[in-house]
Amino acid sequence: MILHAGLLALWSGGRWRGLLIEGVSGSGKSDLALRCLEHSFRLVADDRVLVWICDGRLFGRAPDSLSGLMETRGLGVLPQDNLRLCEIDLCVRCVPLDGVERLPDAASTEVEGVSISCIDLWPFDVSAPLKLVRAMQHLGAGLR
């Protein structure tokens, strides 16, 4: 299955943990991904993510034609070092500022029948990349 989303990875807990970034076109997915690269995240896929299940776990990678490429609005599609694949551990939904709850309950979403933790985030918040670092570091500690 191919999703209209981005996929980043962060080294945490001794492995690469994947962050799926969802949102409608123009919602800030690629902008958020670009800023996350400055906070130790690595690109896996931009704009399209090929997902599959292996041993009950969800994995993702870029389609071959988009591997190692990232769109930067105003600059175009440029090369970007990327990881070939990673397990997907968390989903972030890019939502308007008024769609973010101050103290949200734990939430999850299903992708290909696999449940993963999910948070809503305004992608243009200056602290958004740091919030995602913290969310990835605290997976399993209240997010699930």
N, C-alpha and C. Protein backbone atom coordinates (compact mmCIF):
# COMPACT_ATOMS: atom_id res chain seq x y z
N MET A 1 0.85 -1.17 0.00
CA MET A 1 0.00 0.00 0.00
C MET A 1 0.90 1.24 0.00
N ILE A 2 0.52 2.25 -0.77
CA ILE A 2 1.26 3.51 -0.79
C ILE A 2 0.41 4.60 -0.13
N LEU A 3 1.00 5.30 0.85
CA LEU A 3 0.33 6.38 1.57
C LEU A 3 0.86 7.73 1.09
N HIS A 4 -0.02 8.74 1.04
CA HIS A 4 0.43 10.11 0.80
C HIS A 4 0.85 10.66 2.15
N ALA A 5 2.14 10.52 2.45
CA ALA A 5 2.67 10.87 3.77
C ALA A 5 4.19 10.97 3.66
N GLY A 6 4.82 11.37 4.75
CA GLY A 6 6.27 11.36 4.84
C GLY A 6 6.69 10.37 5.92
N LEU A 7 7.94 9.94 5.87
CA LEU A 7 8.43 9.01 6.88
C LEU A 7 9.86 9.42 7.26
N LEU A 8 10.04 9.67 8.55
CA LEU A 8 11.34 10.01 9.11
C LEU A 8 11.71 8.93 10.12
N ALA A 9 12.99 8.88 10.49
CA ALA A 9 13.43 7.93 11.52
C ALA A 9 14.34 8.66 12.50
N LEU A 10 14.26 8.23 13.75
CA LEU A 10 15.10 8.78 14.81
C LEU A 10 15.72 7.61 15.56
N TRP A 11 17.03 7.67 15.80
CA TRP A 11 17.72 6.62 16.56
C TRP A 11 17.34 6.78 18.02
N SER A 12 16.68 5.79 18.59
CA SER A 12 16.23 5.86 19.97
C SER A 12 16.04 4.43 20.48
N GLY A 13 16.49 4.18 21.67
CA GLY A 13 16.31 2.86 22.26
C GLY A 13 17.08 1.78 21.52
N GLY A 14 18.18 2.13 20.89
CA GLY A 14 19.02 1.15 20.22
C GLY A 14 18.59 0.76 18.82
N ARG A 15 17.65 1.52 18.23
CA ARG A 15 17.21 1.22 16.86
C ARG A 15 16.60 2.46 16.22
N TRP A 16 16.42 2.39 14.91
CA TRP A 16 15.74 3.47 14.20
C TRP A 16 14.23 3.32 14.42
N ARG A 17 13.60 4.37 14.93
CA ARG A 17 12.14 4.37 15.14
C ARG A 17 11.51 5.29 14.10
N GLY A 18 10.49 4.80 13.43
CA GLY A 18 9.88 5.55 12.34
C GLY A 18 8.73 6.43 12.77
N LEU A 19 8.69 7.62 12.16
CA LEU A 19 7.64 8.62 12.39
C LEU A 19 6.94 8.88 11.08
N LEU A 20 5.69 8.47 10.98
CA LEU A 20 4.87 8.70 9.79
C LEU A 20 4.20 10.06 9.92
N ILE A 21 4.37 10.92 8.92
CA ILE A 21 3.79 12.27 8.96
C ILE A 21 2.65 12.33 7.96
N GLU A 22 1.41 12.51 8.47
CA GLU A 22 0.22 12.56 7.64
C GLU A 22 -0.38 13.96 7.62
N GLY A 23 -1.10 14.27 6.58
CA GLY A 23 -1.80 15.54 6.47
C GLY A 23 -2.21 15.77 5.03
N VAL A 24 -3.18 16.64 4.86
CA VAL A 24 -3.64 16.96 3.51
C VAL A 24 -2.54 17.73 2.78
N SER A 25 -2.65 17.80 1.48
CA SER A 25 -1.68 18.53 0.67
C SER A 25 -1.59 19.98 1.14
N GLY A 26 -0.36 20.46 1.35
CA GLY A 26 -0.15 21.83 1.81
C GLY A 26 -0.26 22.02 3.30
N SER A 27 -0.43 20.92 4.07
CA SER A 27 -0.61 21.04 5.52
C SER A 27 0.69 21.24 6.29
N GLY A 28 1.84 21.07 5.63
CA GLY A 28 3.11 21.30 6.30
C GLY A 28 3.94 20.06 6.55
N LYS A 29 3.58 18.94 5.91
CA LYS A 29 4.32 17.69 6.13
C LYS A 29 5.80 17.83 5.77
N SER A 30 6.08 18.30 4.56
CA SER A 30 7.48 18.41 4.12
C SER A 30 8.22 19.50 4.88
N ASP A 31 7.54 20.58 5.23
CA ASP A 31 8.17 21.65 6.01
C ASP A 31 8.59 21.11 7.38
N LEU A 32 7.69 20.36 8.02
CA LEU A 32 8.01 19.75 9.31
C LEU A 32 9.17 18.78 9.17
N ALA A 33 9.13 17.94 8.13
CA ALA A 33 10.20 16.97 7.92
C ALA A 33 11.55 17.67 7.74
N LEU A 34 11.57 18.74 6.97
CA LEU A 34 12.81 19.48 6.73
C LEU A 34 13.39 20.00 8.05
N ARG A 35 12.53 20.56 8.91
CA ARG A 35 13.01 21.07 10.19
C ARG A 35 13.44 19.95 11.14
N CYS A 36 12.79 18.78 11.03
CA CYS A 36 13.17 17.64 11.87
C CYS A 36 14.56 17.12 11.52
N LEU A 37 14.99 17.29 10.28
CA LEU A 37 16.33 16.85 9.88
C LEU A 37 17.41 17.56 10.68
N GLU A 38 17.10 18.75 11.17
CA GLU A 38 18.06 19.51 11.99
C GLU A 38 18.07 19.04 13.45
N HIS A 39 17.24 18.04 13.76
CA HIS A 39 17.14 17.53 15.13
C HIS A 39 17.37 16.02 15.16
N SER A 40 18.32 15.57 14.36
CA SER A 40 18.79 14.17 14.35
C SER A 40 17.86 13.17 13.68
N PHE A 41 16.77 13.61 13.08
CA PHE A 41 15.94 12.70 12.30
C PHE A 41 16.63 12.42 10.97
N ARG A 42 16.30 11.29 10.36
CA ARG A 42 16.78 10.95 9.02
C ARG A 42 15.57 10.74 8.12
N LEU A 43 15.67 11.19 6.89
CA LEU A 43 14.61 10.97 5.92
C LEU A 43 14.57 9.50 5.52
N VAL A 44 13.37 8.96 5.43
CA VAL A 44 13.15 7.65 4.84
C VAL A 44 12.39 7.86 3.54
N ALA A 45 11.29 8.64 3.61
CA ALA A 45 10.48 8.88 2.41
C ALA A 45 9.77 10.23 2.54
N ASP A 46 9.66 10.92 1.42
CA ASP A 46 8.93 12.19 1.38
C ASP A 46 7.80 12.08 0.38
N ASP A 47 6.62 12.47 0.77
CA ASP A 47 5.42 12.56 -0.07
C ASP A 47 4.69 11.24 -0.30
N ARG A 48 5.40 10.17 -0.52
CA ARG A 48 4.78 8.86 -0.71
C ARG A 48 5.56 7.83 0.11
N VAL A 49 4.82 6.98 0.82
CA VAL A 49 5.44 5.94 1.65
C VAL A 49 4.82 4.60 1.29
N LEU A 50 5.66 3.67 0.90
CA LEU A 50 5.24 2.30 0.64
C LEU A 50 5.28 1.57 1.97
N VAL A 51 4.14 1.04 2.43
CA VAL A 51 4.08 0.37 3.73
C VAL A 51 3.75 -1.10 3.55
N TRP A 52 4.25 -1.93 4.49
CA TRP A 52 3.97 -3.35 4.48
C TRP A 52 4.11 -3.88 5.90
N ILE A 53 3.61 -5.09 6.11
CA ILE A 53 3.66 -5.74 7.42
C ILE A 53 4.61 -6.93 7.33
N CYS A 54 5.44 -7.05 8.36
CA CYS A 54 6.33 -8.21 8.49
C CYS A 54 6.32 -8.63 9.96
N ASP A 55 5.97 -9.87 10.22
CA ASP A 55 5.90 -10.38 11.59
C ASP A 55 5.05 -9.50 12.50
N GLY A 56 3.94 -8.98 11.97
CA GLY A 56 3.01 -8.18 12.75
C GLY A 56 3.45 -6.75 12.99
N ARG A 57 4.57 -6.34 12.40
CA ARG A 57 5.08 -4.98 12.58
C ARG A 57 4.97 -4.23 11.25
N LEU A 58 4.77 -2.92 11.36
CA LEU A 58 4.57 -2.07 10.19
C LEU A 58 5.89 -1.42 9.78
N PHE A 59 6.23 -1.53 8.51
CA PHE A 59 7.45 -0.96 7.96
C PHE A 59 7.11 -0.03 6.80
N GLY A 60 8.04 0.87 6.49
CA GLY A 60 7.84 1.77 5.36
C GLY A 60 9.15 2.13 4.68
N ARG A 61 9.03 2.54 3.42
CA ARG A 61 10.16 3.01 2.63
C ARG A 61 9.63 3.88 1.50
N ALA A 62 10.54 4.58 0.83
CA ALA A 62 10.16 5.39 -0.32
C ALA A 62 9.99 4.49 -1.54
N PRO A 63 9.03 4.80 -2.40
CA PRO A 63 9.00 4.11 -3.69
C PRO A 63 10.33 4.37 -4.42
N ASP A 64 10.78 3.41 -5.21
CA ASP A 64 12.08 3.53 -5.86
C ASP A 64 12.28 4.86 -6.58
N SER A 65 11.24 5.35 -7.27
CA SER A 65 11.37 6.58 -8.06
C SER A 65 11.55 7.83 -7.19
N LEU A 66 11.22 7.75 -5.89
CA LEU A 66 11.33 8.91 -4.99
C LEU A 66 12.42 8.75 -3.93
N SER A 67 13.09 7.62 -3.92
CA SER A 67 14.10 7.36 -2.89
C SER A 67 15.24 8.37 -2.98
N GLY A 68 15.57 8.96 -1.82
CA GLY A 68 16.66 9.93 -1.76
C GLY A 68 16.29 11.31 -2.28
N LEU A 69 15.00 11.59 -2.39
CA LEU A 69 14.53 12.90 -2.86
C LEU A 69 13.58 13.51 -1.85
N MET A 70 13.62 14.85 -1.76
CA MET A 70 12.73 15.56 -0.84
C MET A 70 12.30 16.86 -1.49
N GLU A 71 10.98 17.11 -1.46
CA GLU A 71 10.46 18.37 -2.00
C GLU A 71 10.59 19.47 -0.96
N THR A 72 11.12 20.59 -1.39
CA THR A 72 11.21 21.77 -0.54
C THR A 72 10.47 22.88 -1.26
N ARG A 73 9.31 23.25 -0.74
CA ARG A 73 8.49 24.27 -1.40
C ARG A 73 9.31 25.53 -1.66
N GLY A 74 9.28 26.00 -2.87
CA GLY A 74 10.02 27.18 -3.27
C GLY A 74 11.39 26.85 -3.86
N LEU A 75 11.89 25.63 -3.62
CA LEU A 75 13.18 25.21 -4.16
C LEU A 75 13.04 24.07 -5.16
N GLY A 76 12.04 23.23 -4.96
CA GLY A 76 11.84 22.08 -5.84
C GLY A 76 12.19 20.78 -5.16
N VAL A 77 12.40 19.76 -5.98
CA VAL A 77 12.74 18.43 -5.49
C VAL A 77 14.26 18.29 -5.53
N LEU A 78 14.83 18.05 -4.35
CA LEU A 78 16.29 18.02 -4.21
C LEU A 78 16.75 16.69 -3.60
N PRO A 79 17.99 16.27 -3.88
CA PRO A 79 18.51 15.05 -3.25
C PRO A 79 18.66 15.21 -1.74
N GLN A 80 18.43 14.12 -1.02
CA GLN A 80 18.56 14.12 0.44
C GLN A 80 18.99 12.72 0.87
N ASP A 81 20.05 12.62 1.66
CA ASP A 81 20.45 11.32 2.19
C ASP A 81 19.27 10.70 2.92
N ASN A 82 19.10 9.40 2.74
CA ASN A 82 17.96 8.76 3.39
C ASN A 82 18.30 7.35 3.83
N LEU A 83 17.50 6.86 4.79
CA LEU A 83 17.55 5.45 5.18
C LEU A 83 16.69 4.67 4.20
N ARG A 84 17.06 3.44 3.96
CA ARG A 84 16.33 2.63 2.98
C ARG A 84 14.93 2.26 3.48
N LEU A 85 14.80 1.96 4.77
CA LEU A 85 13.51 1.56 5.34
C LEU A 85 13.58 1.66 6.85
N CYS A 86 12.43 1.60 7.50
CA CYS A 86 12.39 1.53 8.97
C CYS A 86 11.02 1.04 9.42
N GLU A 87 10.99 0.58 10.65
CA GLU A 87 9.72 0.23 11.27
C GLU A 87 9.01 1.51 11.65
N ILE A 88 7.69 1.54 11.50
CA ILE A 88 6.90 2.73 11.83
C ILE A 88 6.34 2.57 13.24
N ASP A 89 6.71 3.51 14.12
CA ASP A 89 6.33 3.43 15.53
C ASP A 89 5.32 4.49 15.95
N LEU A 90 5.26 5.60 15.25
CA LEU A 90 4.40 6.71 15.66
C LEU A 90 3.88 7.43 14.42
N CYS A 91 2.65 7.89 14.50
CA CYS A 91 2.05 8.68 13.42
C CYS A 91 1.76 10.08 13.97
N VAL A 92 2.14 11.10 13.23
CA VAL A 92 1.78 12.47 13.58
C VAL A 92 0.86 12.99 12.49
N ARG A 93 -0.27 13.53 12.89
CA ARG A 93 -1.21 14.13 11.94
C ARG A 93 -1.03 15.64 11.99
N CYS A 94 -0.71 16.22 10.86
CA CYS A 94 -0.55 17.68 10.76
C CYS A 94 -1.94 18.31 10.73
N VAL A 95 -2.24 19.09 11.75
CA VAL A 95 -3.56 19.70 11.90
C VAL A 95 -3.40 21.20 12.16
N PRO A 96 -4.48 21.98 11.95
CA PRO A 96 -4.42 23.41 12.30
C PRO A 96 -4.18 23.60 13.79
N LEU A 97 -3.66 24.75 14.16
CA LEU A 97 -3.33 25.05 15.56
C LEU A 97 -4.50 24.79 16.50
N ASP A 98 -5.71 25.18 16.09
CA ASP A 98 -6.87 24.99 16.97
C ASP A 98 -7.31 23.53 17.07
N GLY A 99 -6.66 22.62 16.31
CA GLY A 99 -6.97 21.20 16.39
C GLY A 99 -6.08 20.43 17.35
N VAL A 100 -5.15 21.14 18.02
CA VAL A 100 -4.23 20.48 18.94
C VAL A 100 -4.72 20.67 20.37
N GLU A 101 -4.98 19.56 21.05
CA GLU A 101 -5.40 19.62 22.44
C GLU A 101 -4.19 19.84 23.34
N ARG A 102 -4.39 20.59 24.41
CA ARG A 102 -3.30 20.87 25.34
C ARG A 102 -2.83 19.60 26.05
N LEU A 103 -3.75 18.81 26.54
CA LEU A 103 -3.43 17.57 27.24
C LEU A 103 -4.27 16.43 26.64
N PRO A 104 -3.85 15.93 25.49
CA PRO A 104 -4.66 14.91 24.80
C PRO A 104 -4.58 13.54 25.47
N ASP A 105 -5.63 12.78 25.30
CA ASP A 105 -5.61 11.38 25.71
C ASP A 105 -4.74 10.61 24.72
N ALA A 106 -4.21 9.47 25.15
CA ALA A 106 -3.44 8.61 24.26
C ALA A 106 -4.34 8.19 23.10
N ALA A 107 -3.79 8.20 21.90
CA ALA A 107 -4.55 7.84 20.72
C ALA A 107 -3.73 6.92 19.83
N SER A 108 -4.43 6.19 18.98
CA SER A 108 -3.74 5.33 18.03
C SER A 108 -4.50 5.34 16.72
N THR A 109 -3.85 4.87 15.68
CA THR A 109 -4.47 4.74 14.38
C THR A 109 -4.07 3.38 13.81
N GLU A 110 -4.86 2.87 12.90
CA GLU A 110 -4.54 1.59 12.26
C GLU A 110 -4.05 1.83 10.85
N VAL A 111 -2.94 1.20 10.51
CA VAL A 111 -2.41 1.23 9.16
C VAL A 111 -2.20 -0.22 8.75
N GLU A 112 -2.89 -0.65 7.72
CA GLU A 112 -2.79 -2.04 7.26
C GLU A 112 -3.08 -3.04 8.38
N GLY A 113 -3.98 -2.65 9.29
CA GLY A 113 -4.37 -3.53 10.38
C GLY A 113 -3.45 -3.51 11.59
N VAL A 114 -2.39 -2.72 11.55
CA VAL A 114 -1.46 -2.60 12.68
C VAL A 114 -1.75 -1.29 13.41
N SER A 115 -1.92 -1.36 14.72
CA SER A 115 -2.20 -0.18 15.53
C SER A 115 -0.89 0.49 15.93
N ILE A 116 -0.79 1.81 15.69
CA ILE A 116 0.38 2.57 16.12
C ILE A 116 -0.10 3.82 16.86
N SER A 117 0.73 4.29 17.77
CA SER A 117 0.41 5.52 18.50
C SER A 117 0.30 6.67 17.52
N CYS A 118 -0.55 7.65 17.86
CA CYS A 118 -0.80 8.77 16.96
C CYS A 118 -1.00 10.05 17.76
N ILE A 119 -0.41 11.15 17.28
CA ILE A 119 -0.61 12.45 17.92
C ILE A 119 -0.97 13.48 16.85
N ASP A 120 -1.69 14.50 17.27
CA ASP A 120 -1.99 15.64 16.41
C ASP A 120 -1.02 16.76 16.75
N LEU A 121 -0.53 17.46 15.71
CA LEU A 121 0.46 18.50 15.91
C LEU A 121 0.30 19.58 14.86
N TRP A 122 0.45 20.83 15.27
CA TRP A 122 0.50 21.93 14.32
C TRP A 122 1.93 21.97 13.80
N PRO A 123 2.16 21.65 12.51
CA PRO A 123 3.52 21.46 12.01
C PRO A 123 4.37 22.72 11.96
N PHE A 124 3.75 23.90 12.00
CA PHE A 124 4.50 25.15 11.88
C PHE A 124 4.94 25.73 13.22
N ASP A 125 4.60 25.05 14.31
CA ASP A 125 5.04 25.46 15.64
C ASP A 125 6.57 25.37 15.68
N VAL A 126 7.23 26.40 16.16
CA VAL A 126 8.70 26.40 16.23
C VAL A 126 9.21 25.18 16.98
N SER A 127 8.49 24.77 18.01
CA SER A 127 8.95 23.65 18.83
C SER A 127 8.47 22.28 18.31
N ALA A 128 7.79 22.23 17.18
CA ALA A 128 7.25 20.96 16.68
C ALA A 128 8.31 19.87 16.54
N PRO A 129 9.48 20.14 15.93
CA PRO A 129 10.49 19.07 15.83
C PRO A 129 10.95 18.56 17.20
N LEU A 130 11.09 19.47 18.17
CA LEU A 130 11.51 19.05 19.51
C LEU A 130 10.41 18.24 20.20
N LYS A 131 9.16 18.60 19.96
CA LYS A 131 8.06 17.81 20.51
C LYS A 131 8.10 16.40 19.95
N LEU A 132 8.44 16.26 18.67
CA LEU A 132 8.50 14.94 18.06
C LEU A 132 9.69 14.13 18.58
N VAL A 133 10.80 14.78 18.84
CA VAL A 133 11.94 14.08 19.46
C VAL A 133 11.48 13.51 20.79
N ARG A 134 10.82 14.33 21.61
CA ARG A 134 10.36 13.87 22.93
C ARG A 134 9.33 12.74 22.78
N ALA A 135 8.42 12.89 21.84
CA ALA A 135 7.41 11.84 21.64
C ALA A 135 8.07 10.51 21.26
N MET A 136 9.06 10.57 20.37
CA MET A 136 9.74 9.34 19.95
C MET A 136 10.54 8.73 21.10
N GLN A 137 11.15 9.57 21.93
CA GLN A 137 11.94 9.07 23.06
C GLN A 137 11.05 8.47 24.15
N HIS A 138 9.80 8.87 24.19
CA HIS A 138 8.90 8.42 25.25
C HIS A 138 7.85 7.44 24.75
N LEU A 139 8.05 6.86 23.59
CA LEU A 139 7.11 5.85 23.11
C LEU A 139 6.98 4.74 24.16
N GLY A 140 5.76 4.35 24.43
CA GLY A 140 5.54 3.32 25.43
C GLY A 140 5.40 3.87 26.83
N ALA A 141 5.64 5.16 27.01
CA ALA A 141 5.53 5.76 28.35
C ALA A 141 4.36 6.73 28.35
N GLY A 142 3.17 6.23 28.07
CA GLY A 142 1.98 7.09 28.10
C GLY A 142 1.44 7.41 26.73
N LEU A 143 2.21 7.18 25.67
CA LEU A 143 1.68 7.46 24.33
C LEU A 143 0.85 6.32 23.79
N ARG A 144 1.02 5.14 24.30
CA ARG A 144 0.26 3.99 23.81
C ARG A 144 -0.91 3.71 24.73
